[in-house]
Amino acid sequence: MENGLILDSLKVQGFRAFKDLQVEKLGRVNLITGKNNVGKTGLLEALQVYARRGEPNVLQSLLVRRDETYASNSMKQDEAAKLLSDVKHVFHGRPEVDSEDCLFEIGSFHNEQNRVSIHLEQHEPDGELAVPLPFSDELKAVGIVESKMQIMMVRTGSQWIVVPFLPSYFRSRFIAGISDEAIPHTFVWSKGLDNRTLSRWWDKIALTPMEDDVIEALQIIVPDLSRVNLVSAREGNPERIPVVRIKEQTAPLPMKSLGEGINRMFGLALALVSSGGGLLMVDEIETGLHYSVQTDMWRLVFKTAKRLNIQVFATTHSSDCIRSFEEAAHEDQETEGVLIRLENKKGNVVAVPFDERKLEIATREGIEVR
């Protein structure tokens, strides 16, 4: 980890839209731009796969979120077979699962040991594996290794782990070693966070100094806000909703009654303070936020990222968001911000980085960087 960053650079090869994406320098706060369908959200997904060390469960969650399990949902298959039939969507070009192209690699461009690789291949009954198959006696007992079997080879650094496509009872045994090495991270999708997630994150920071950070963030939207809590929506209903106390008001108000912006800021602030020592990925970070508060939002992100040692990756379509990012980055001389524009060059997605100096020039000259 150089300069306190988890990733000093980035290489994404063979994942989703990226045949071979290379970003030679990253900052502590990174803003990703580009046209539709160029891979901005896919890049955040790649970072999540990296943080989870290639755990198959995260691949499954990404497939579900994009409705890429549609075909297998109509098929009468067990859980492992469904994942196998869907997983091709995360590989570049969507190759068939028995293809040599079912291979991707994500991590540092400069440091091969700081990468996660996944290779999907077919194991023949009497074939030899480059890495011994754990629990082979148990698998033989249920007749699994006597038949053809698709396996996932997961590499973190120099260590390979074999993950067979098996029902969850067996697969969980294989991925335990992967999960233990996961990097702390949070992911905020463009549609925001559900109340259950908000409640879980709030409970972790309630009555700590980080609660003050969240209040400070919400005051960017509502200056008179003084307190926040999560309460039961209805008696007997375990779901909780955020409520706020406004100065001069005698009763708390549901946060949603104050508009989309404060709810977005609440989720963003909770994600920030929950990501200490790890990665934060935010899709379409400006969603729900008026342009007039976005510079203050970025100031908060830069300040908190530095204090809690967080590396931030966010996407945007908005020129207002880019200008606000540049302004906050220029003000904060100790926390480096980098803008990364993704472009499609003859079918290959490439990265065009703008450090703070180049971004300042581009913003001043009105050069399009979206």
Protein backbone atom coordinates (compact mmCIF):
# COMPACT_ATOMS: atom_id res chain seq x y z
CA MET A 1 0.00 0.00 0.00
CA GLU A 2 1.91 3.07 -1.27
CA ASN A 3 1.24 6.58 0.06
CA GLY A 4 -1.44 5.11 2.30
CA LEU A 5 -3.53 4.08 -0.73
CA ILE A 6 -4.89 0.59 -1.26
CA LEU A 7 -4.45 1.06 -5.02
CA ASP A 8 -1.81 3.41 -6.42
CA SER A 9 -2.84 2.46 -9.96
CA LEU A 10 -5.34 0.16 -11.63
CA LYS A 11 -5.42 -2.65 -14.16
CA VAL A 12 -8.70 -4.29 -15.20
CA GLN A 13 -8.25 -6.99 -17.81
CA GLY A 14 -11.01 -9.24 -19.14
CA PHE A 15 -13.81 -7.93 -16.90
CA ARG A 16 -17.09 -6.66 -18.39
CA ALA A 17 -16.35 -3.83 -20.90
CA PHE A 18 -12.62 -3.86 -20.21
CA LYS A 19 -10.36 -5.84 -22.51
CA ASP A 20 -7.30 -4.27 -20.91
CA LEU A 21 -7.89 -1.03 -18.99
CA GLN A 22 -4.84 0.64 -17.48
CA VAL A 23 -4.77 3.62 -15.11
CA GLU A 24 -1.18 4.39 -14.16
CA LYS A 25 -2.00 6.74 -11.29
CA LEU A 26 -4.85 7.00 -8.80
CA GLY A 27 -5.55 9.54 -6.07
CA ARG A 28 -7.22 9.27 -2.72
CA VAL A 29 -10.45 10.62 -4.28
CA ASN A 30 -11.15 9.52 -7.85
CA LEU A 31 -14.01 10.70 -10.08
CA ILE A 32 -14.89 8.57 -13.11
CA THR A 33 -16.62 10.13 -16.13
CA GLY A 34 -17.54 9.06 -19.65
CA LYS A 35 -20.45 8.50 -21.99
CA ASN A 36 -23.22 5.98 -21.39
CA ASN A 37 -22.31 2.31 -21.79
CA VAL A 38 -18.57 2.96 -21.54
CA GLY A 39 -18.16 1.05 -18.26
CA LYS A 40 -18.27 3.57 -15.39
CA THR A 41 -20.45 1.37 -13.16
CA GLY A 42 -18.55 -1.69 -14.37
CA LEU A 43 -15.34 -0.15 -13.08
CA LEU A 44 -16.88 0.25 -9.62
CA GLU A 45 -18.02 -3.38 -9.81
CA ALA A 46 -14.47 -4.44 -10.67
CA LEU A 47 -13.23 -2.63 -7.57
CA GLN A 48 -15.84 -4.42 -5.45
CA VAL A 49 -14.73 -7.80 -6.84
CA TYR A 50 -11.14 -6.81 -6.03
CA ALA A 51 -12.08 -5.82 -2.48
CA ARG A 52 -13.96 -9.10 -1.95
CA ARG A 53 -10.92 -11.01 -3.28
CA GLY A 54 -12.91 -12.64 -6.08
CA GLU A 55 -15.46 -14.27 -3.80
CA PRO A 56 -18.09 -15.97 -6.01
CA ASN A 57 -20.95 -14.58 -3.92
CA VAL A 58 -20.10 -11.02 -4.98
CA LEU A 59 -20.20 -12.09 -8.64
CA GLN A 60 -23.65 -13.53 -8.03
CA SER A 61 -24.88 -10.29 -6.43
CA LEU A 62 -23.62 -8.25 -9.40
CA LEU A 63 -25.44 -10.56 -11.81
CA VAL A 64 -28.69 -10.25 -9.87
CA ARG A 65 -28.47 -6.44 -9.74
CA ARG A 66 -28.18 -6.23 -13.53
CA ASP A 67 -30.92 -8.82 -14.17
CA GLU A 68 -28.30 -11.10 -15.74
CA THR A 69 -29.86 -14.11 -14.01
CA TYR A 70 -33.02 -13.76 -16.10
CA ALA A 71 -32.44 -16.84 -18.28
CA SER A 72 -31.37 -19.17 -15.49
CA ASN A 73 -34.27 -18.13 -13.24
CA SER A 74 -36.62 -19.90 -15.65
CA MET A 75 -34.52 -23.07 -15.64
CA LYS A 76 -34.85 -25.94 -13.19
CA GLN A 77 -31.27 -26.00 -11.94
CA ASP A 78 -29.60 -26.04 -8.58
CA GLU A 79 -27.95 -22.93 -7.23
CA ALA A 80 -24.46 -23.82 -8.46
CA ALA A 81 -25.64 -24.62 -12.00
CA LYS A 82 -27.50 -21.31 -12.21
CA LEU A 83 -24.42 -19.35 -11.18
CA LEU A 84 -22.36 -21.22 -13.75
CA SER A 85 -24.80 -20.44 -16.57
CA ASP A 86 -24.86 -16.72 -15.64
CA VAL A 87 -21.26 -16.00 -14.75
CA LYS A 88 -20.15 -15.49 -18.36
CA HIS A 89 -21.67 -11.99 -18.19
CA VAL A 90 -18.82 -10.69 -16.01
CA PHE A 91 -16.13 -11.79 -18.46
CA HIS A 92 -15.19 -9.52 -21.37
CA GLY A 93 -17.08 -10.52 -24.50
CA ARG A 94 -19.34 -12.93 -22.56
CA PRO A 95 -17.45 -16.08 -23.64
CA GLU A 96 -18.83 -19.56 -23.13
CA VAL A 97 -17.91 -21.04 -19.77
CA ASP A 98 -15.61 -23.66 -21.33
CA SER A 99 -13.63 -20.99 -23.22
CA GLU A 100 -10.04 -20.05 -22.44
CA ASP A 101 -11.25 -16.43 -22.38
CA CYS A 102 -13.01 -16.96 -19.04
CA LEU A 103 -10.23 -15.13 -17.24
CA PHE A 104 -10.01 -11.68 -15.68
CA GLU A 105 -7.55 -9.78 -13.51
CA ILE A 106 -8.13 -6.70 -11.32
CA GLY A 107 -5.71 -4.73 -9.16
CA SER A 108 -2.63 -2.53 -9.20
CA PHE A 109 -1.12 -1.77 -12.61
CA HIS A 110 2.36 -1.51 -11.10
CA ASN A 111 2.26 -4.35 -8.56
CA GLU A 112 1.28 -7.80 -9.79
CA GLN A 113 1.10 -9.09 -6.22
CA ASN A 114 -1.69 -6.59 -5.51
CA ARG A 115 -4.15 -8.15 -7.95
CA VAL A 116 -7.04 -10.60 -7.92
CA SER A 117 -7.39 -13.05 -10.79
CA ILE A 118 -10.25 -15.39 -11.63
CA HIS A 119 -9.98 -18.19 -14.16
CA LEU A 120 -12.92 -20.44 -14.99
CA GLU A 121 -12.02 -23.86 -16.33
CA GLN A 122 -13.36 -27.40 -16.57
CA HIS A 123 -11.93 -30.13 -14.38
CA GLU A 124 -11.94 -33.62 -15.90
CA PRO A 125 -12.62 -36.60 -13.60
CA ASP A 126 -9.06 -37.88 -13.69
CA GLY A 127 -7.35 -34.59 -14.45
CA GLU A 128 -4.76 -32.94 -12.29
CA LEU A 129 -5.21 -29.47 -10.84
CA ALA A 130 -2.44 -26.95 -10.51
CA VAL A 131 -3.64 -26.47 -6.94
CA PRO A 132 -4.87 -29.39 -4.78
CA LEU A 133 -8.64 -29.56 -4.39
CA PRO A 134 -9.52 -29.17 -0.68
CA PHE A 135 -12.03 -31.51 0.94
CA SER A 136 -11.55 -33.97 -1.95
CA ASP A 137 -12.53 -36.95 0.21
CA GLU A 138 -15.86 -35.31 1.06
CA LEU A 139 -16.47 -34.51 -2.58
CA LYS A 140 -15.68 -38.06 -3.64
CA ALA A 141 -18.11 -39.36 -1.05
CA VAL A 142 -20.99 -37.59 -2.79
CA GLY A 143 -19.75 -38.50 -6.27
CA ILE A 144 -18.83 -34.97 -7.38
CA VAL A 145 -15.22 -35.39 -8.43
CA GLU A 146 -16.03 -38.50 -10.48
CA SER A 147 -17.79 -36.29 -13.06
CA LYS A 148 -16.83 -33.24 -15.06
CA MET A 149 -16.86 -30.15 -12.89
CA GLN A 150 -16.45 -26.45 -13.59
CA ILE A 151 -14.04 -24.82 -11.16
CA MET A 152 -13.06 -21.24 -10.46
CA MET A 153 -9.39 -20.57 -9.82
CA VAL A 154 -9.09 -17.47 -7.62
CA ARG A 155 -5.66 -15.88 -7.14
CA THR A 156 -4.84 -13.17 -4.61
CA GLY A 157 -1.20 -12.18 -4.84
CA SER A 158 0.67 -15.43 -5.33
CA GLN A 159 -1.92 -17.68 -3.65
CA TRP A 160 -4.43 -19.68 -5.69
CA ILE A 161 -7.67 -21.01 -4.23
CA VAL A 162 -9.88 -23.54 -6.03
CA VAL A 163 -13.62 -22.85 -5.86
CA PRO A 164 -15.81 -25.54 -7.46
CA PHE A 165 -19.27 -24.66 -8.74
CA LEU A 166 -21.11 -26.56 -6.03
CA PRO A 167 -24.24 -26.09 -3.94
CA SER A 168 -23.78 -23.45 -1.26
CA TYR A 169 -23.15 -26.02 1.52
CA PHE A 170 -19.91 -27.07 -0.14
CA ARG A 171 -18.99 -23.78 -1.79
CA SER A 172 -19.01 -21.88 1.50
CA ARG A 173 -16.24 -24.18 2.75
CA PHE A 174 -14.03 -23.23 -0.17
CA ILE A 175 -14.55 -19.46 -0.04
CA ALA A 176 -13.94 -19.07 3.70
CA GLY A 177 -10.27 -18.35 3.08
CA ILE A 178 -11.13 -15.72 0.50
CA SER A 179 -13.59 -13.83 2.68
CA ASP A 180 -11.11 -13.59 5.52
CA GLU A 181 -8.80 -11.48 3.31
CA ALA A 182 -11.47 -9.06 2.07
CA ILE A 183 -10.67 -5.34 2.10
CA PRO A 184 -13.13 -3.12 4.02
CA HIS A 185 -15.42 -1.45 1.50
CA THR A 186 -18.86 0.01 0.93
CA PHE A 187 -20.83 0.47 -2.28
CA VAL A 188 -23.54 3.09 -2.79
CA TRP A 189 -25.61 2.47 -5.91
CA SER A 190 -27.22 5.29 -7.88
CA LYS A 191 -30.64 4.38 -6.46
CA GLY A 192 -29.38 4.85 -2.91
CA LEU A 193 -29.56 2.56 0.10
CA ASP A 194 -32.46 0.72 1.64
CA ASN A 195 -33.55 1.35 5.23
CA ARG A 196 -32.16 -1.96 6.41
CA THR A 197 -28.65 -1.04 5.25
CA LEU A 198 -28.96 2.47 6.66
CA SER A 199 -30.01 1.00 10.03
CA ARG A 200 -27.10 -1.43 10.12
CA TRP A 201 -24.55 1.29 9.36
CA TRP A 202 -26.16 3.76 11.77
CA ASP A 203 -26.01 1.28 14.65
CA LYS A 204 -22.25 0.97 14.13
CA ILE A 205 -21.56 4.71 14.49
CA ALA A 206 -24.35 5.90 16.82
CA LEU A 207 -23.09 7.80 19.89
CA THR A 208 -19.54 7.92 18.49
CA PRO A 209 -17.65 10.92 17.08
CA MET A 210 -18.60 9.66 13.61
CA GLU A 211 -22.22 10.51 14.37
CA ASP A 212 -21.09 14.15 14.44
CA ASP A 213 -19.62 13.70 10.94
CA VAL A 214 -22.99 12.51 9.68
CA ILE A 215 -24.78 15.48 11.29
CA GLU A 216 -22.26 17.85 9.68
CA ALA A 217 -22.96 16.29 6.28
CA LEU A 218 -26.72 16.64 6.67
CA GLN A 219 -26.36 20.28 7.69
CA ILE A 220 -25.02 20.95 4.19
CA ILE A 221 -28.60 20.34 3.02
CA VAL A 222 -30.56 21.46 6.10
CA PRO A 223 -28.50 23.91 8.21
CA ASP A 224 -31.01 23.87 11.10
CA LEU A 225 -30.83 20.08 11.55
CA SER A 226 -29.61 19.14 15.02
CA ARG A 227 -30.20 15.41 15.58
CA VAL A 228 -30.83 12.14 13.72
CA ASN A 229 -32.20 8.80 14.81
CA LEU A 230 -33.73 5.67 13.30
CA VAL A 231 -37.06 4.52 14.70
CA SER A 232 -39.55 1.75 14.00
CA ALA A 233 -41.81 2.56 11.08
CA ARG A 234 -44.82 0.89 12.74
CA GLU A 235 -45.41 -1.07 15.91
CA GLY A 236 -44.43 -4.68 15.35
CA ASN A 237 -42.54 -3.83 12.16
CA PRO A 238 -38.76 -4.38 12.49
CA GLU A 239 -37.97 -1.94 9.68
CA ARG A 240 -36.66 1.42 10.88
CA ILE A 241 -36.80 4.81 9.18
CA PRO A 242 -34.54 7.85 9.66
CA VAL A 243 -36.05 10.84 11.46
CA VAL A 244 -34.51 14.22 12.19
CA ARG A 245 -34.84 17.01 14.72
CA ILE A 246 -34.95 20.54 13.32
CA LYS A 247 -34.24 23.52 15.53
CA GLU A 248 -37.40 25.30 16.67
CA GLN A 249 -39.45 22.18 15.85
CA THR A 250 -41.05 20.34 18.75
CA ALA A 251 -41.43 16.96 17.06
CA PRO A 252 -39.08 14.88 14.86
CA LEU A 253 -39.72 14.74 11.12
CA PRO A 254 -39.31 11.79 8.76
CA MET A 255 -36.13 12.42 6.80
CA LYS A 256 -37.83 11.59 3.50
CA SER A 257 -40.25 14.47 4.05
CA LEU A 258 -37.32 16.87 3.59
CA GLY A 259 -36.55 15.74 0.05
CA GLU A 260 -34.30 13.41 -1.90
CA GLY A 261 -31.12 15.41 -1.34
CA ILE A 262 -30.90 14.90 2.42
CA ASN A 263 -31.59 11.18 2.07
CA ARG A 264 -28.81 10.87 -0.51
CA MET A 265 -26.45 12.80 1.73
CA PHE A 266 -27.37 10.60 4.72
CA GLY A 267 -26.46 7.45 2.81
CA LEU A 268 -23.26 9.00 1.47
CA ALA A 269 -22.17 10.22 4.92
CA LEU A 270 -22.88 6.84 6.54
CA ALA A 271 -20.97 5.08 3.75
CA LEU A 272 -18.00 7.40 4.24
CA VAL A 273 -17.65 6.91 7.97
CA SER A 274 -18.23 3.15 7.56
CA SER A 275 -15.33 2.77 5.09
CA GLY A 276 -12.37 3.60 7.32
CA GLY A 277 -9.16 1.98 6.09
CA GLY A 278 -10.86 0.71 2.94
CA LEU A 279 -12.59 1.57 -0.31
CA LEU A 280 -15.76 3.54 -0.98
CA MET A 281 -17.52 3.21 -4.35
CA VAL A 282 -20.40 5.58 -5.20
CA ASP A 283 -22.34 5.37 -8.46
CA GLU A 284 -23.60 8.72 -9.79
CA ILE A 285 -22.57 10.57 -6.67
CA GLU A 286 -24.45 13.76 -7.58
CA THR A 287 -27.88 12.03 -7.68
CA GLY A 288 -30.46 14.06 -5.77
CA LEU A 289 -28.01 16.85 -4.86
CA HIS A 290 -28.54 20.39 -6.14
CA TYR A 291 -25.46 21.83 -7.85
CA SER A 292 -25.20 24.55 -5.17
CA VAL A 293 -24.29 22.01 -2.43
CA GLN A 294 -21.99 19.75 -4.43
CA THR A 295 -18.78 21.64 -3.63
CA ASP A 296 -19.53 21.31 0.09
CA MET A 297 -20.26 17.63 -0.47
CA TRP A 298 -16.86 17.14 -2.14
CA ARG A 299 -15.12 19.10 0.64
CA LEU A 300 -16.63 16.66 3.12
CA VAL A 301 -15.51 13.67 1.02
CA PHE A 302 -11.92 14.94 0.71
CA LYS A 303 -11.66 15.79 4.42
CA THR A 304 -13.17 12.52 5.66
CA ALA A 305 -11.26 10.35 3.18
CA LYS A 306 -7.98 11.76 4.43
CA ARG A 307 -8.87 11.53 8.13
CA LEU A 308 -10.22 7.97 7.99
CA ASN A 309 -7.76 6.68 5.36
CA ILE A 310 -10.39 5.92 2.72
CA GLN A 311 -9.83 5.64 -1.03
CA VAL A 312 -12.90 6.91 -2.88
CA PHE A 313 -14.14 6.05 -6.38
CA ALA A 314 -17.25 7.80 -7.70
CA THR A 315 -18.94 8.19 -11.08
CA THR A 316 -20.81 11.13 -12.58
CA HIS A 317 -22.48 12.43 -15.76
CA SER A 318 -22.69 15.99 -14.47
CA SER A 319 -20.49 18.93 -15.49
CA ASP A 320 -21.58 20.70 -12.28
CA CYS A 321 -20.29 17.76 -10.27
CA ILE A 322 -16.96 17.87 -12.11
CA ARG A 323 -16.54 21.61 -11.50
CA SER A 324 -17.37 21.12 -7.81
CA PHE A 325 -14.87 18.25 -7.62
CA GLU A 326 -12.16 20.42 -9.17
CA GLU A 327 -12.88 23.26 -6.75
CA ALA A 328 -12.70 21.03 -3.67
CA ALA A 329 -9.57 19.28 -4.97
CA HIS A 330 -7.87 22.62 -5.58
CA GLU A 331 -8.67 23.79 -2.04
CA ASP A 332 -7.40 20.61 -0.37
CA GLN A 333 -3.68 20.57 -1.10
CA GLU A 334 -3.04 17.49 1.06
CA THR A 335 -5.55 15.09 -0.50
CA GLU A 336 -5.04 14.26 -4.16
CA GLY A 337 -8.01 14.08 -6.48
CA VAL A 338 -7.87 12.45 -9.92
CA LEU A 339 -10.51 12.52 -12.65
CA ILE A 340 -10.57 9.50 -14.96
CA ARG A 341 -12.46 9.79 -18.25
CA LEU A 342 -13.34 6.48 -19.89
CA GLU A 343 -13.43 6.49 -23.70
CA ASN A 344 -14.30 3.82 -26.24
CA LYS A 345 -11.54 3.65 -28.84
CA LYS A 346 -12.47 1.26 -31.66
CA GLY A 347 -14.10 -1.18 -29.29
CA ASN A 348 -11.52 -0.88 -26.51
CA VAL A 349 -12.22 1.16 -23.39
CA VAL A 350 -9.26 3.33 -22.40
CA ALA A 351 -8.70 5.69 -19.47
CA VAL A 352 -7.70 9.34 -19.85
CA PRO A 353 -6.55 10.63 -16.41
CA PHE A 354 -6.64 14.27 -15.31
CA ASP A 355 -4.65 15.15 -12.22
CA GLU A 356 -5.57 18.31 -10.31
CA ARG A 357 -3.42 20.60 -12.48
CA LYS A 358 -4.77 19.23 -15.78
CA LEU A 359 -8.33 19.25 -14.46
CA GLU A 360 -8.00 22.88 -13.37
CA ILE A 361 -6.84 23.83 -16.88
CA ALA A 362 -9.62 21.82 -18.52
CA THR A 363 -12.25 23.40 -16.29
CA ARG A 364 -10.93 26.91 -16.87
CA GLU A 365 -10.72 26.45 -20.65
CA GLY A 366 -14.11 24.76 -20.86
CA ILE A 367 -12.65 21.52 -22.22
CA GLU A 368 -15.20 18.69 -22.14
CA VAL A 369 -14.15 15.98 -19.69
CA ARG A 370 -17.50 14.25 -19.15
